[in-house]
């Protein structure tokens, strides 16, 4: 279901609780909402009012991916970039890394399975942005 975007600083700056397999319906709400916004490529659960450590992003092929409880384990190649956000008015100057290693849970057959994977470029930047959202980092 398409949800309204939350722009309340109190909600967006609250660290999210760990997500569980029972939060799976939120994934569809995130995908539906993301698909309804032109030029959007990632969305965290707290941006639709659900304070769970969960987000979706679209890869370079436009395919949706959900990450539960993502943590950045390693980051290389930091640089200052300007980022826009669906739930913030103005672009911000922030440090992002060209390559990251992420530990996250993926929903497989109704259960969360832990994964580790390296990401680079634009996808790495989106994941860093989403992890910040889930930490309650109000940039």
N, C-alpha and C. Protein backbone atom coordinates (compact mmCIF):
# COMPACT_ATOMS: atom_id res chain seq x y z
N UNK A 1 0.83 -1.16 0.00
CA UNK A 1 0.00 0.00 0.00
C UNK A 1 0.89 1.25 0.00
N UNK A 2 0.52 2.22 -0.78
CA UNK A 2 1.27 3.48 -0.83
C UNK A 2 1.02 4.24 0.47
N UNK A 3 2.11 4.66 1.11
CA UNK A 3 2.03 5.39 2.38
C UNK A 3 2.50 6.82 2.17
N UNK A 4 2.08 7.70 3.06
CA UNK A 4 2.55 9.08 3.04
C UNK A 4 3.97 9.12 3.61
N UNK A 5 4.79 10.00 3.06
CA UNK A 5 6.13 10.18 3.58
C UNK A 5 6.08 10.97 4.89
N UNK A 6 6.89 10.55 5.84
CA UNK A 6 6.98 11.22 7.13
C UNK A 6 8.12 12.22 7.08
N UNK A 7 7.85 13.44 7.49
CA UNK A 7 8.89 14.46 7.53
C UNK A 7 9.11 14.99 8.94
N UNK A 8 8.52 14.32 9.92
CA UNK A 8 8.63 14.70 11.33
C UNK A 8 10.02 14.36 11.84
N UNK A 9 10.77 15.38 12.24
CA UNK A 9 12.14 15.19 12.71
C UNK A 9 12.21 14.26 13.92
N UNK A 10 11.22 14.28 14.78
CA UNK A 10 11.23 13.42 15.97
C UNK A 10 11.20 11.94 15.58
N UNK A 11 10.44 11.59 14.58
CA UNK A 11 10.37 10.20 14.12
C UNK A 11 11.65 9.84 13.36
N UNK A 12 12.08 10.71 12.45
CA UNK A 12 13.24 10.42 11.62
C UNK A 12 14.55 10.40 12.40
N UNK A 13 14.60 11.04 13.55
CA UNK A 13 15.83 11.07 14.34
C UNK A 13 15.84 10.02 15.45
N UNK A 14 14.82 9.17 15.50
CA UNK A 14 14.78 8.09 16.49
C UNK A 14 15.41 6.84 15.89
N UNK A 15 16.42 6.25 16.57
CA UNK A 15 17.00 5.01 16.06
C UNK A 15 15.93 3.91 15.94
N UNK A 16 15.98 3.17 14.87
CA UNK A 16 14.98 2.14 14.61
C UNK A 16 15.26 0.87 15.42
N UNK A 17 14.19 0.17 15.73
CA UNK A 17 14.27 -1.12 16.41
C UNK A 17 14.66 -2.19 15.40
N UNK A 18 15.25 -3.29 15.86
CA UNK A 18 15.55 -4.38 14.93
C UNK A 18 14.28 -4.87 14.23
N UNK A 19 14.40 -5.16 12.96
CA UNK A 19 13.28 -5.69 12.18
C UNK A 19 13.27 -7.21 12.31
N UNK A 20 12.09 -7.79 12.21
CA UNK A 20 11.92 -9.24 12.28
C UNK A 20 11.19 -9.72 11.02
N UNK A 21 11.08 -11.01 10.87
CA UNK A 21 10.36 -11.57 9.73
C UNK A 21 8.89 -11.13 9.73
N UNK A 22 8.36 -10.83 10.91
CA UNK A 22 6.97 -10.36 11.01
C UNK A 22 6.78 -8.98 10.38
N UNK A 23 7.88 -8.28 10.12
CA UNK A 23 7.81 -6.97 9.48
C UNK A 23 7.77 -7.06 7.95
N UNK A 24 7.68 -8.25 7.42
CA UNK A 24 7.69 -8.46 5.97
C UNK A 24 6.65 -7.62 5.22
N UNK A 25 5.43 -7.42 5.76
CA UNK A 25 4.47 -6.60 5.02
C UNK A 25 4.95 -5.16 4.78
N UNK A 26 5.85 -4.67 5.63
CA UNK A 26 6.38 -3.32 5.45
C UNK A 26 7.17 -3.23 4.15
N UNK A 27 7.80 -4.32 3.76
CA UNK A 27 8.58 -4.33 2.51
C UNK A 27 7.68 -3.97 1.34
N UNK A 28 6.51 -4.56 1.26
CA UNK A 28 5.61 -4.25 0.15
C UNK A 28 5.14 -2.81 0.20
N UNK A 29 4.88 -2.29 1.41
CA UNK A 29 4.50 -0.88 1.53
C UNK A 29 5.64 0.02 1.05
N UNK A 30 6.88 -0.32 1.39
CA UNK A 30 8.02 0.46 0.93
C UNK A 30 8.15 0.42 -0.59
N UNK A 31 8.00 -0.77 -1.18
CA UNK A 31 8.09 -0.91 -2.64
C UNK A 31 6.97 -0.13 -3.32
N UNK A 32 5.75 -0.25 -2.82
CA UNK A 32 4.62 0.47 -3.41
C UNK A 32 4.83 1.98 -3.33
N UNK A 33 5.27 2.45 -2.17
CA UNK A 33 5.48 3.88 -1.97
C UNK A 33 6.63 4.37 -2.84
N UNK A 34 7.73 3.62 -2.86
CA UNK A 34 8.89 3.99 -3.68
C UNK A 34 8.49 4.08 -5.16
N UNK A 35 7.72 3.11 -5.62
CA UNK A 35 7.30 3.08 -7.02
C UNK A 35 6.40 4.25 -7.40
N UNK A 36 5.75 4.83 -6.41
CA UNK A 36 4.83 5.94 -6.67
C UNK A 36 5.53 7.30 -6.75
N UNK A 37 6.83 7.32 -6.45
CA UNK A 37 7.58 8.59 -6.40
C UNK A 37 8.55 8.64 -7.57
N UNK A 38 8.38 9.63 -8.41
CA UNK A 38 9.24 9.77 -9.59
C UNK A 38 10.69 9.99 -9.19
N UNK A 39 11.58 9.28 -9.84
CA UNK A 39 13.03 9.39 -9.64
C UNK A 39 13.51 9.00 -8.24
N UNK A 40 12.72 8.26 -7.49
CA UNK A 40 13.15 7.78 -6.17
C UNK A 40 13.80 6.41 -6.33
N UNK A 41 14.83 6.14 -5.52
CA UNK A 41 15.53 4.86 -5.65
C UNK A 41 15.76 4.12 -4.34
N UNK A 42 15.40 4.73 -3.21
CA UNK A 42 15.53 4.03 -1.94
C UNK A 42 14.59 4.66 -0.92
N UNK A 43 14.20 3.85 0.07
CA UNK A 43 13.25 4.32 1.07
C UNK A 43 13.38 3.47 2.33
N UNK A 44 13.51 4.13 3.47
CA UNK A 44 13.61 3.45 4.76
C UNK A 44 12.24 3.40 5.43
N UNK A 45 12.06 2.40 6.28
CA UNK A 45 10.77 2.21 6.95
C UNK A 45 10.36 3.43 7.77
N UNK A 46 11.32 4.09 8.43
CA UNK A 46 10.91 5.25 9.24
C UNK A 46 10.42 6.41 8.38
N UNK A 47 10.75 6.40 7.10
CA UNK A 47 10.26 7.44 6.20
C UNK A 47 8.77 7.26 5.88
N UNK A 48 8.22 6.10 6.23
CA UNK A 48 6.77 5.89 6.11
C UNK A 48 6.15 5.65 7.48
N UNK A 49 6.89 6.02 8.54
CA UNK A 49 6.34 5.98 9.90
C UNK A 49 6.51 4.68 10.65
N UNK A 50 7.30 3.76 10.14
CA UNK A 50 7.54 2.47 10.81
C UNK A 50 8.98 2.49 11.33
N UNK A 51 9.17 2.50 12.63
CA UNK A 51 10.52 2.64 13.20
C UNK A 51 11.20 1.28 13.36
N UNK A 52 11.39 0.62 12.24
CA UNK A 52 12.09 -0.67 12.17
C UNK A 52 13.30 -0.52 11.26
N UNK A 53 14.36 -1.26 11.55
CA UNK A 53 15.59 -1.20 10.77
C UNK A 53 15.39 -2.02 9.49
N UNK A 54 14.80 -1.36 8.52
CA UNK A 54 14.38 -2.02 7.28
C UNK A 54 14.32 -0.97 6.18
N UNK A 55 14.82 -1.33 5.00
CA UNK A 55 14.70 -0.41 3.86
C UNK A 55 14.72 -1.20 2.56
N UNK A 56 14.33 -0.50 1.49
CA UNK A 56 14.41 -1.06 0.14
C UNK A 56 15.20 -0.09 -0.72
N UNK A 57 15.85 -0.64 -1.73
CA UNK A 57 16.54 0.17 -2.72
C UNK A 57 16.39 -0.50 -4.08
N UNK A 58 16.57 0.29 -5.13
CA UNK A 58 16.54 -0.24 -6.49
C UNK A 58 17.96 -0.28 -7.02
N UNK A 59 18.34 -1.42 -7.60
CA UNK A 59 19.67 -1.54 -8.19
C UNK A 59 19.71 -0.87 -9.56
N UNK A 60 20.84 -0.99 -10.23
CA UNK A 60 21.02 -0.35 -11.54
C UNK A 60 20.06 -0.87 -12.60
N UNK A 61 19.48 -2.05 -12.38
CA UNK A 61 18.53 -2.63 -13.32
C UNK A 61 17.09 -2.30 -12.96
N UNK A 62 16.90 -1.54 -11.87
CA UNK A 62 15.55 -1.18 -11.43
C UNK A 62 14.88 -2.24 -10.58
N UNK A 63 15.62 -3.26 -10.17
CA UNK A 63 15.05 -4.31 -9.32
C UNK A 63 15.10 -3.87 -7.85
N UNK A 64 14.03 -4.19 -7.13
CA UNK A 64 13.93 -3.84 -5.71
C UNK A 64 14.61 -4.88 -4.84
N UNK A 65 15.29 -4.39 -3.80
CA UNK A 65 15.94 -5.26 -2.81
C UNK A 65 15.60 -4.73 -1.43
N UNK A 66 15.33 -5.63 -0.51
CA UNK A 66 15.04 -5.25 0.88
C UNK A 66 16.19 -5.70 1.77
N UNK A 67 16.56 -4.84 2.71
CA UNK A 67 17.57 -5.17 3.70
C UNK A 67 16.98 -4.96 5.09
N UNK A 68 17.08 -5.98 5.89
CA UNK A 68 16.66 -5.92 7.29
C UNK A 68 17.93 -5.81 8.14
N UNK A 69 17.95 -4.90 9.10
CA UNK A 69 19.01 -4.81 10.11
C UNK A 69 20.41 -4.67 9.51
N UNK A 70 20.54 -3.82 8.51
CA UNK A 70 21.82 -3.63 7.83
C UNK A 70 22.83 -2.91 8.72
N UNK A 71 24.07 -3.36 8.63
CA UNK A 71 25.20 -2.74 9.33
C UNK A 71 26.36 -2.65 8.36
N UNK A 72 27.01 -1.50 8.34
CA UNK A 72 28.19 -1.33 7.50
C UNK A 72 29.39 -1.80 8.31
N UNK A 73 30.08 -2.80 7.78
CA UNK A 73 31.21 -3.40 8.47
C UNK A 73 32.54 -2.77 8.07
N UNK A 74 32.62 -2.28 6.84
CA UNK A 74 33.86 -1.73 6.31
C UNK A 74 33.50 -0.70 5.24
N UNK A 75 34.31 0.36 5.18
CA UNK A 75 34.07 1.39 4.18
C UNK A 75 35.40 1.94 3.68
N UNK A 76 35.54 2.07 2.36
CA UNK A 76 36.77 2.56 1.74
C UNK A 76 36.46 3.66 0.74
N UNK A 77 37.39 4.59 0.60
CA UNK A 77 37.28 5.61 -0.44
C UNK A 77 36.28 6.70 -0.12
N UNK A 78 36.40 7.32 1.04
CA UNK A 78 35.48 8.37 1.45
C UNK A 78 35.63 9.64 0.63
N UNK A 79 34.51 10.28 0.38
CA UNK A 79 34.48 11.56 -0.33
C UNK A 79 33.23 12.33 0.10
N UNK A 80 33.33 13.65 0.06
CA UNK A 80 32.18 14.50 0.36
C UNK A 80 31.29 14.56 -0.88
N UNK A 81 29.99 14.36 -0.67
CA UNK A 81 29.01 14.43 -1.76
C UNK A 81 27.80 15.21 -1.29
N UNK A 82 27.04 15.73 -2.25
CA UNK A 82 25.75 16.34 -1.94
C UNK A 82 24.68 15.29 -2.16
N UNK A 83 23.79 15.15 -1.19
CA UNK A 83 22.69 14.19 -1.31
C UNK A 83 21.36 14.90 -1.10
N UNK A 84 20.39 14.43 -1.85
CA UNK A 84 19.01 14.84 -1.64
C UNK A 84 18.30 13.72 -0.88
N UNK A 85 17.18 14.04 -0.29
CA UNK A 85 16.42 13.05 0.46
C UNK A 85 14.94 13.35 0.28
N UNK A 86 14.16 12.30 0.23
CA UNK A 86 12.71 12.45 0.06
C UNK A 86 12.04 13.11 1.26
N UNK A 87 12.67 13.00 2.43
CA UNK A 87 12.03 13.51 3.64
C UNK A 87 12.79 14.69 4.27
N UNK A 88 13.71 15.29 3.52
CA UNK A 88 14.42 16.50 3.95
C UNK A 88 14.26 17.54 2.85
N UNK A 89 14.18 18.79 3.25
CA UNK A 89 13.95 19.85 2.28
C UNK A 89 15.16 20.12 1.38
N UNK A 90 16.32 20.30 1.99
CA UNK A 90 17.49 20.74 1.23
C UNK A 90 18.53 19.64 1.10
N UNK A 91 19.28 19.64 -0.01
CA UNK A 91 20.40 18.70 -0.12
C UNK A 91 21.43 18.98 0.96
N UNK A 92 22.18 17.93 1.35
CA UNK A 92 23.18 18.07 2.40
C UNK A 92 24.54 17.59 1.89
N UNK A 93 25.59 18.09 2.49
CA UNK A 93 26.96 17.69 2.18
C UNK A 93 27.33 16.63 3.21
N UNK A 94 27.68 15.42 2.75
CA UNK A 94 27.92 14.30 3.65
C UNK A 94 29.06 13.44 3.09
N UNK A 95 29.75 12.73 3.97
CA UNK A 95 30.79 11.81 3.52
C UNK A 95 30.17 10.47 3.18
N UNK A 96 30.48 9.97 2.00
CA UNK A 96 30.05 8.64 1.57
C UNK A 96 31.28 7.90 1.07
N UNK A 97 31.19 6.58 1.08
CA UNK A 97 32.31 5.73 0.71
C UNK A 97 32.03 5.00 -0.60
N UNK A 98 33.07 4.83 -1.40
CA UNK A 98 32.93 4.22 -2.73
C UNK A 98 32.69 2.72 -2.64
N UNK A 99 33.23 2.07 -1.59
CA UNK A 99 33.07 0.63 -1.43
C UNK A 99 32.73 0.34 0.03
N UNK A 100 31.71 -0.49 0.24
CA UNK A 100 31.32 -0.86 1.59
C UNK A 100 31.08 -2.36 1.67
N UNK A 101 31.30 -2.91 2.86
CA UNK A 101 30.91 -4.29 3.16
C UNK A 101 29.76 -4.20 4.15
N UNK A 102 28.68 -4.90 3.85
CA UNK A 102 27.46 -4.79 4.65
C UNK A 102 27.04 -6.17 5.15
N UNK A 103 26.65 -6.21 6.41
CA UNK A 103 25.98 -7.38 6.99
C UNK A 103 24.51 -7.01 7.11
N UNK A 104 23.64 -7.88 6.64
CA UNK A 104 22.21 -7.58 6.67
C UNK A 104 21.43 -8.89 6.69
N UNK A 105 20.17 -8.78 7.01
CA UNK A 105 19.28 -9.93 6.96
C UNK A 105 18.41 -9.81 5.72
N UNK A 106 18.16 -10.97 5.11
CA UNK A 106 17.31 -11.05 3.93
C UNK A 106 16.19 -12.04 4.25
N UNK A 107 14.98 -11.69 3.82
CA UNK A 107 13.83 -12.57 4.06
C UNK A 107 13.82 -13.68 3.01
N UNK A 108 13.95 -14.94 3.47
CA UNK A 108 13.96 -16.10 2.59
C UNK A 108 12.98 -17.13 3.16
N UNK A 109 11.95 -17.43 2.40
CA UNK A 109 10.94 -18.40 2.83
C UNK A 109 10.40 -18.10 4.22
N UNK A 110 10.12 -16.81 4.47
CA UNK A 110 9.51 -16.40 5.73
C UNK A 110 10.46 -16.28 6.91
N UNK A 111 11.76 -16.48 6.67
CA UNK A 111 12.74 -16.38 7.76
C UNK A 111 13.86 -15.43 7.34
N UNK A 112 14.45 -14.78 8.33
CA UNK A 112 15.58 -13.90 8.05
C UNK A 112 16.87 -14.70 8.01
N UNK A 113 17.62 -14.49 6.94
CA UNK A 113 18.92 -15.15 6.76
C UNK A 113 19.98 -14.05 6.69
N UNK A 114 21.05 -14.20 7.47
CA UNK A 114 22.12 -13.22 7.49
C UNK A 114 22.99 -13.35 6.25
N UNK A 115 23.32 -12.22 5.67
CA UNK A 115 24.15 -12.15 4.47
C UNK A 115 25.26 -11.13 4.71
N UNK A 116 26.33 -11.27 3.96
CA UNK A 116 27.40 -10.27 3.89
C UNK A 116 27.71 -10.06 2.43
N UNK A 117 27.88 -8.79 2.07
CA UNK A 117 28.12 -8.51 0.66
C UNK A 117 28.82 -7.17 0.51
N UNK A 118 29.63 -7.06 -0.52
CA UNK A 118 30.28 -5.79 -0.86
C UNK A 118 29.42 -5.04 -1.88
N UNK A 119 29.42 -3.72 -1.75
CA UNK A 119 28.69 -2.86 -2.68
C UNK A 119 29.60 -1.70 -3.06
N UNK A 120 29.42 -1.21 -4.29
CA UNK A 120 30.21 -0.08 -4.77
C UNK A 120 29.29 0.94 -5.44
N UNK A 121 29.87 2.13 -5.66
CA UNK A 121 29.20 3.16 -6.45
C UNK A 121 27.88 3.64 -5.89
N UNK A 122 26.95 3.87 -6.80
CA UNK A 122 25.64 4.43 -6.46
C UNK A 122 24.88 3.57 -5.46
N UNK A 123 24.91 2.26 -5.62
CA UNK A 123 24.20 1.38 -4.69
C UNK A 123 24.81 1.50 -3.29
N UNK A 124 26.13 1.56 -3.21
CA UNK A 124 26.79 1.74 -1.91
C UNK A 124 26.34 3.05 -1.26
N UNK A 125 26.23 4.11 -2.06
CA UNK A 125 25.80 5.40 -1.52
C UNK A 125 24.38 5.33 -0.99
N UNK A 126 23.48 4.69 -1.74
CA UNK A 126 22.09 4.56 -1.27
C UNK A 126 22.02 3.77 0.03
N UNK A 127 22.76 2.68 0.10
CA UNK A 127 22.72 1.85 1.31
C UNK A 127 23.23 2.66 2.51
N UNK A 128 24.30 3.42 2.32
CA UNK A 128 24.81 4.25 3.42
C UNK A 128 23.74 5.25 3.87
N UNK A 129 23.05 5.85 2.92
CA UNK A 129 21.98 6.81 3.23
C UNK A 129 20.87 6.13 4.03
N UNK A 130 20.49 4.92 3.62
CA UNK A 130 19.43 4.19 4.30
C UNK A 130 19.86 3.73 5.70
N UNK A 131 21.10 3.28 5.83
CA UNK A 131 21.60 2.88 7.15
C UNK A 131 21.56 4.08 8.09
N UNK A 132 21.95 5.26 7.58
CA UNK A 132 21.85 6.47 8.40
C UNK A 132 20.41 6.71 8.85
N UNK A 133 19.45 6.57 7.95
CA UNK A 133 18.04 6.73 8.33
C UNK A 133 17.67 5.78 9.46
N UNK A 134 18.06 4.53 9.32
CA UNK A 134 17.69 3.53 10.33
C UNK A 134 18.36 3.80 11.68
N UNK A 135 19.51 4.46 11.67
CA UNK A 135 20.20 4.82 12.91
C UNK A 135 19.58 6.07 13.53
N UNK A 136 18.65 6.69 12.82
CA UNK A 136 18.06 7.93 13.31
C UNK A 136 18.95 9.12 13.05
N UNK A 137 19.88 8.96 12.14
CA UNK A 137 20.79 10.07 11.80
C UNK A 137 20.04 11.03 10.90
N UNK A 138 19.68 12.14 11.47
CA UNK A 138 18.92 13.16 10.75
C UNK A 138 19.91 14.12 10.14
N UNK A 139 20.31 13.87 8.90
CA UNK A 139 21.37 14.64 8.24
C UNK A 139 20.88 16.04 7.96
